[in-house]
């Protein structure tokens, strides 16, 4: 990843390392967010008998993403609350 030649002054090794770390983190976060998005869509499309199981999967992914720092804990909590409300409304 750090093999790119900068056009300006040469970057120090520590700056190159930070670039590599930031890129890895960006890809990891992007993957987590995409997985959450996909599972939320599956929840919306799930049949009534599978909604509660799918909800627990989405909640677990949101908790993990918040724990790892991919999304803010308050955002995870807000999304879980809204998804639970929608799911309970659909099941009622």
Protein backbone atom coordinates (compact mmCIF):
# COMPACT_ATOMS: atom_id res chain seq x y z
CA UNK A 1 0.00 0.00 0.00
CA UNK A 2 2.79 2.43 0.83
CA UNK A 3 4.58 1.79 -2.47
CA UNK A 4 3.16 4.96 -4.08
CA UNK A 5 5.75 7.62 -4.80
CA UNK A 6 4.63 11.02 -3.51
CA UNK A 7 5.15 13.90 -5.94
CA UNK A 8 6.15 16.34 -3.22
CA UNK A 9 8.71 15.92 -0.47
CA UNK A 10 9.40 12.40 0.74
CA UNK A 11 7.16 11.13 3.54
CA UNK A 12 8.72 9.80 6.69
CA UNK A 13 8.30 6.12 7.54
CA UNK A 14 5.93 6.96 10.38
CA UNK A 15 3.69 8.92 8.00
CA UNK A 16 3.70 6.01 5.54
CA UNK A 17 2.75 3.65 8.36
CA UNK A 18 -0.12 5.94 9.39
CA UNK A 19 -1.31 5.99 5.75
CA UNK A 20 -1.33 2.19 5.69
CA UNK A 21 -3.16 1.98 9.01
CA UNK A 22 -5.75 4.54 7.93
CA UNK A 23 -6.40 2.64 4.68
CA UNK A 24 -6.84 -0.68 6.52
CA UNK A 25 -9.18 0.97 9.02
CA UNK A 26 -11.19 2.62 6.23
CA UNK A 27 -11.69 -0.69 4.43
CA UNK A 28 -12.60 -2.49 7.63
CA UNK A 29 -15.14 0.18 8.61
CA UNK A 30 -16.60 0.23 5.12
CA UNK A 31 -17.06 -3.53 5.19
CA UNK A 32 -18.79 -3.42 8.59
CA UNK A 33 -21.14 -0.64 7.49
CA UNK A 34 -22.00 -2.48 4.27
CA UNK A 35 -22.78 -5.63 6.24
CA UNK A 36 -25.07 -3.69 8.58
CA UNK A 37 -26.83 -2.10 5.61
CA UNK A 38 -27.36 -5.51 3.95
CA UNK A 39 -28.71 -7.11 7.12
CA UNK A 40 -31.09 -4.18 7.68
CA UNK A 41 -32.46 -4.66 4.17
CA UNK A 42 -32.90 -8.38 4.87
CA UNK A 43 -34.81 -7.48 8.04
CA UNK A 44 -37.19 -5.25 6.07
CA UNK A 45 -37.78 -8.02 3.53
CA UNK A 46 -38.05 -10.88 6.05
CA UNK A 47 -41.30 -12.69 6.64
CA UNK A 48 -43.09 -12.15 9.94
CA UNK A 49 -41.88 -15.40 11.51
CA UNK A 50 -38.21 -14.61 10.79
CA UNK A 51 -38.21 -10.91 11.70
CA UNK A 52 -37.28 -11.39 15.37
CA UNK A 53 -34.31 -13.63 14.54
CA UNK A 54 -33.13 -11.18 11.89
CA UNK A 55 -33.56 -8.28 14.32
CA UNK A 56 -31.22 -9.94 16.81
CA UNK A 57 -28.62 -10.36 14.04
CA UNK A 58 -28.81 -6.67 13.13
CA UNK A 59 -28.66 -5.61 16.79
CA UNK A 60 -25.57 -7.76 17.29
CA UNK A 61 -23.84 -6.20 14.28
CA UNK A 62 -24.71 -2.69 15.46
CA UNK A 63 -23.34 -3.42 18.94
CA UNK A 64 -20.11 -4.79 17.50
CA UNK A 65 -19.68 -1.80 15.18
CA UNK A 66 -20.24 0.60 18.08
CA UNK A 67 -17.81 -1.32 20.29
CA UNK A 68 -15.11 -1.24 17.60
CA UNK A 69 -15.65 2.47 16.91
CA UNK A 70 -17.03 2.12 13.39
CA UNK A 71 -20.19 3.98 14.34
CA UNK A 72 -21.01 6.13 17.36
CA UNK A 73 -22.66 4.24 20.24
CA UNK A 74 -25.58 6.68 20.27
CA UNK A 75 -26.21 6.07 16.58
CA UNK A 76 -26.22 2.31 17.17
CA UNK A 77 -28.69 2.74 20.01
CA UNK A 78 -30.93 4.98 17.91
CA UNK A 79 -30.94 2.53 15.00
CA UNK A 80 -31.69 -0.42 17.29
CA UNK A 81 -34.60 1.44 18.83
CA UNK A 82 -36.10 2.40 15.47
CA UNK A 83 -35.67 -1.09 14.05
CA UNK A 84 -37.29 -2.63 17.12
CA UNK A 85 -40.25 -0.26 16.82
CA UNK A 86 -40.72 -1.11 13.13
CA UNK A 87 -40.36 -4.83 13.76
CA UNK A 88 -42.83 -4.84 16.65
CA UNK A 89 -45.29 -2.81 14.56
CA UNK A 90 -45.00 -5.32 11.72
CA UNK A 91 -45.50 -8.28 14.06
CA UNK A 92 -48.54 -6.75 15.79
